[in-house]
C-alpha atoms as a PDB file:
ATOM      1  CA  MET A   1      -0.131   0.080  -0.007  1.00  0.00           C
ATOM      2  CA  ALA A   2       1.308   3.384  -1.003  1.00  0.00           C
ATOM      3  CA  TYR A   3       2.113   6.019   1.488  1.00  0.00           C
ATOM      4  CA  LYS A   4      -0.542   8.646   1.455  1.00  0.00           C
ATOM      5  CA  LYS A   5       0.765  12.086   2.026  1.00  0.00           C
ATOM      6  CA  LYS A   6      -1.387  14.073   4.381  1.00  0.00           C
ATOM      7  CA  THR A   7      -2.444  17.632   3.214  1.00  0.00           C
ATOM      8  CA  LYS A   8      -1.804  20.367   5.583  1.00  0.00           C
ATOM      9  CA  LYS A   9      -4.727  22.101   7.183  1.00  0.00           C
ATOM     10  CA  ARG A  10      -4.755  25.684   6.004  1.00  0.00           C
ATOM     11  CA  VAL A  11      -5.539  28.268   9.081  1.00  0.00           C
ATOM     12  CA  VAL A  12      -8.405  30.219   8.105  1.00  0.00           C
ATOM     13  CA  SER A  13      -9.036  33.353  10.122  1.00  0.00           C
ATOM     14  CA  VAL A  14     -12.588  35.017   9.356  1.00  0.00           C
ATOM     15  CA  GLU A  15     -14.377  37.739  11.147  1.00  0.00           C
ATOM     16  CA  SER A  16     -17.883  37.008  10.378  1.00  0.00           C
ATOM     17  CA  VAL A  17     -19.530  33.817   9.360  1.00  0.00           C
ATOM     18  CA  ILE A  18     -23.008  32.497   8.554  1.00  0.00           C
ATOM     19  CA  ALA A  19     -24.578  29.584  10.510  1.00  0.00           C
ATOM     20  CA  HIS A  20     -27.069  27.485   8.344  1.00  0.00           C
ATOM     21  CA  VAL A  21     -29.389  25.581  10.878  1.00  0.00           C
ATOM     22  CA  LYS A  22     -31.551  22.718   9.539  1.00  0.00           C
ATOM     23  CA  SER A  23     -33.657  21.678  12.146  1.00  0.00           C
ATOM     24  CA  SER A  24     -36.047  18.565  11.528  1.00  0.00           C
ATOM     25  CA  PHE A  25     -37.855  16.481  13.842  1.00  0.00           C
ATOM     26  CA  ASN A  26     -35.403  13.788  13.782  1.00  0.00           C
ATOM     27  CA  ASN A  27     -32.054  15.674  13.572  1.00  0.00           C
ATOM     28  CA  THR A  28     -30.345  19.140  13.822  1.00  0.00           C
ATOM     29  CA  LEU A  29     -27.764  19.765  11.080  1.00  0.00           C
ATOM     30  CA  VAL A  30     -25.494  22.974  11.201  1.00  0.00           C
ATOM     31  CA  SER A  31     -22.993  24.119   8.808  1.00  0.00           C
ATOM     32  CA  ILE A  32     -20.841  27.160   9.177  1.00  0.00           C
ATOM     33  CA  THR A  33     -19.853  29.026   5.918  1.00  0.00           C
ATOM     34  CA  THR A  34     -17.779  32.095   5.038  1.00  0.00           C
ATOM     35  CA  THR A  35     -19.957  35.111   3.737  1.00  0.00           C
ATOM     36  CA  ASP A  36     -18.978  33.707   0.212  1.00  0.00           C
ATOM     37  CA  GLY A  37     -20.563  30.320   0.881  1.00  0.00           C
ATOM     38  CA  ASP A  38     -17.285  28.256   1.493  1.00  0.00           C
ATOM     39  CA  VAL A  39     -18.086  25.717   4.305  1.00  0.00           C
ATOM     40  CA  LEU A  40     -15.635  25.959   7.121  1.00  0.00           C
ATOM     41  CA  LEU A  41     -17.192  23.609   9.749  1.00  0.00           C
ATOM     42  CA  ARG A  42     -20.246  21.409   9.976  1.00  0.00           C
ATOM     43  CA  GLY A  43     -21.849  19.375  12.571  1.00  0.00           C
ATOM     44  CA  SER A  44     -25.021  17.426  13.520  1.00  0.00           C
ATOM     45  CA  ALA A  45     -26.508  15.607  16.655  1.00  0.00           C
ATOM     46  CA  GLY A  46     -25.874  12.146  15.108  1.00  0.00           C
ATOM     47  CA  HIS A  47     -22.184  13.272  14.547  1.00  0.00           C
ATOM     48  CA  LEU A  48     -21.803  13.860  18.305  1.00  0.00           C
ATOM     49  CA  GLY A  49     -23.060  10.338  18.974  1.00  0.00           C
ATOM     50  CA  PHE A  50     -26.761  11.007  19.793  1.00  0.00           C
ATOM     51  CA  LYS A  51     -28.740   8.158  18.434  1.00  0.00           C
ATOM     52  CA  GLY A  52     -32.499   7.774  17.634  1.00  0.00           C
ATOM     53  CA  ALA A  53     -35.098  10.162  19.135  1.00  0.00           C
ATOM     54  CA  ARG A  54     -32.297  12.003  21.143  1.00  0.00           C
ATOM     55  CA  LYS A  55     -30.993  13.479  18.046  1.00  0.00           C
ATOM     56  CA  GLY A  56     -34.068  15.764  17.416  1.00  0.00           C
ATOM     57  CA  THR A  57     -33.854  17.012  21.046  1.00  0.00           C
ATOM     58  CA  PRO A  58     -32.894  20.754  22.084  1.00  0.00           C
ATOM     59  CA  PHE A  59     -30.063  19.407  24.378  1.00  0.00           C
ATOM     60  CA  ALA A  60     -28.527  17.654  21.365  1.00  0.00           C
ATOM     61  CA  ALA A  61     -28.641  20.809  19.349  1.00  0.00           C
ATOM     62  CA  THR A  62     -27.080  22.781  22.166  1.00  0.00           C
ATOM     63  CA  GLN A  63     -24.200  20.649  22.248  1.00  0.00           C
ATOM     64  CA  VAL A  64     -23.755  20.998  18.327  1.00  0.00           C
ATOM     65  CA  GLY A  65     -23.911  24.775  18.682  1.00  0.00           C
ATOM     66  CA  THR A  66     -21.393  24.725  21.659  1.00  0.00           C
ATOM     67  CA  ASN A  67     -18.832  22.403  19.839  1.00  0.00           C
ATOM     68  CA  LEU A  68     -18.829  24.508  16.507  1.00  0.00           C
ATOM     69  CA  ALA A  69     -18.739  27.874  18.644  1.00  0.00           C
ATOM     70  CA  LYS A  70     -15.585  26.466  20.224  1.00  0.00           C
ATOM     71  CA  GLU A  71     -13.816  25.986  16.806  1.00  0.00           C
ATOM     72  CA  LEU A  72     -15.003  29.367  15.522  1.00  0.00           C
ATOM     73  CA  ILE A  73     -13.750  31.144  18.224  1.00  0.00           C
ATOM     74  CA  GLY A  74     -10.387  29.435  17.471  1.00  0.00           C
ATOM     75  CA  MET A  75     -10.752  30.761  13.955  1.00  0.00           C
ATOM     76  CA  GLY A  76     -11.208  34.356  15.200  1.00  0.00           C
ATOM     77  CA  ALA A  77     -14.884  34.649  14.122  1.00  0.00           C
ATOM     78  CA  ARG A  78     -16.923  37.070  16.367  1.00  0.00           C
ATOM     79  CA  LEU A  79     -20.079  38.030  14.311  1.00  0.00           C
ATOM     80  CA  VAL A  80     -22.410  35.153  13.119  1.00  0.00           C
ATOM     81  CA  GLU A  81     -25.539  35.363  11.006  1.00  0.00           C
ATOM     82  CA  VAL A  82     -27.986  32.680  11.476  1.00  0.00           C
ATOM     83  CA  ASN A  83     -30.183  31.101   8.894  1.00  0.00           C
ATOM     84  CA  MET A  84     -32.638  28.621  10.422  1.00  0.00           C
ATOM     85  CA  GLN A  85     -34.776  26.267   8.410  1.00  0.00           C
ATOM     86  CA  GLY A  86     -37.144  23.635   9.313  1.00  0.00           C
ATOM     87  CA  PRO A  87     -39.830  22.817  12.060  1.00  0.00           C
ATOM     88  CA  GLY A  88     -37.609  21.091  14.763  1.00  0.00           C
ATOM     89  CA  SER A  89     -37.013  22.042  18.211  1.00  0.00           C
ATOM     90  CA  GLY A  90     -33.467  22.587  17.822  1.00  0.00           C
ATOM     91  CA  ARG A  91     -33.700  25.851  16.088  1.00  0.00           C
ATOM     92  CA  ASP A  92     -33.541  28.307  19.035  1.00  0.00           C
ATOM     93  CA  ALA A  93     -31.190  25.874  21.054  1.00  0.00           C
ATOM     94  CA  VAL A  94     -28.346  26.228  18.604  1.00  0.00           C
ATOM     95  CA  VAL A  95     -28.747  30.107  18.599  1.00  0.00           C
ATOM     96  CA  ARG A  96     -28.579  30.260  22.341  1.00  0.00           C
ATOM     97  CA  ALA A  97     -25.524  27.981  22.293  1.00  0.00           C
ATOM     98  CA  LEU A  98     -23.809  30.286  19.928  1.00  0.00           C
ATOM     99  CA  GLN A  99     -24.714  33.227  22.114  1.00  0.00           C
ATOM    100  CA  SER A 100     -23.595  31.891  25.407  1.00  0.00           C
ATOM    101  CA  SER A 101     -20.174  30.718  24.036  1.00  0.00           C
ATOM    102  CA  GLY A 102     -19.335  34.538  23.234  1.00  0.00           C
ATOM    103  CA  LEU A 103     -20.159  34.922  19.699  1.00  0.00           C
ATOM    104  CA  ASN A 104     -22.288  37.835  18.713  1.00  0.00           C
ATOM    105  CA  VAL A 105     -25.388  36.957  16.820  1.00  0.00           C
ATOM    106  CA  THR A 106     -26.103  39.800  14.353  1.00  0.00           C
ATOM    107  CA  ILE A 107     -29.023  38.395  12.280  1.00  0.00           C
ATOM    108  CA  LEU A 108     -31.558  35.866  12.712  1.00  0.00           C
ATOM    109  CA  ARG A 109     -33.151  34.564   9.688  1.00  0.00           C
ATOM    110  CA  ASP A 110     -36.053  32.072   8.854  1.00  0.00           C
ATOM    111  CA  VAL A 111     -35.375  30.570   5.505  1.00  0.00           C
ATOM    112  CA  THR A 112     -38.065  27.748   5.643  1.00  0.00           C
ATOM    113  CA  PRO A 113     -39.382  27.228   2.293  1.00  0.00           C
ATOM    114  CA  LEU A 114     -43.245  27.711   2.312  1.00  0.00           C
ATOM    115  CA  PRO A 115     -45.473  26.515  -0.675  1.00  0.00           C
ATOM    116  CA  HIS A 116     -47.460  28.859  -2.106  1.00  0.00           C
ATOM    117  CA  ASN A 117     -50.312  26.654  -3.271  1.00  0.00           C
ATOM    118  CA  GLY A 118     -48.483  23.231  -2.578  1.00  0.00           C
ATOM    119  CA  VAL A 119     -49.144  20.136  -4.372  1.00  0.00           C
ATOM    120  CA  ARG A 120     -52.196  18.570  -5.595  1.00  0.00           C
ATOM    121  CA  ALA A 121     -54.612  17.344  -3.201  1.00  0.00           C
ATOM    122  CA  PRO A 122     -55.199  13.720  -3.055  1.00  0.00           C
ATOM    123  CA  LYS A 123     -58.582  12.390  -4.746  1.00  0.00           C
ATOM    124  CA  LYS A 124     -61.400  11.917  -2.681  1.00  0.00           C
ATOM    125  CA  ARG A 125     -61.868   8.754  -0.677  1.00  0.00           C
ATOM    126  CA  ARG A 126     -64.712   6.224  -1.810  1.00  0.00           C
ATOM    127  CA  VAL A 127     -65.977   3.955   0.773  1.00  0.00           C
END
């Protein structure tokens, strides 16, 4: 087996970032991007070891937010914009975790897609 050369992790220092939070009933996914859209960090409740129904809890989302905030502070980020999507219970927990770890949340945005008319209704049931 050939020797695989490890690539060096480049040190990124950013002032402001955007946190994209997708919270479903089963899990909470968070990805931290630059203002240009390049992904810096990402995390989820499942990645931290939560399994089953515990992945969708606010506690799991708080743990995700705290872990990502520690790494963000190491990168030098101070300002965070938050885009929240989905109906899950972890939406607000992530924001609270980011704020309590010392980051300044500037904008809270709800980007949940809303149907303007939705899909066609199912046909009437005949009994």
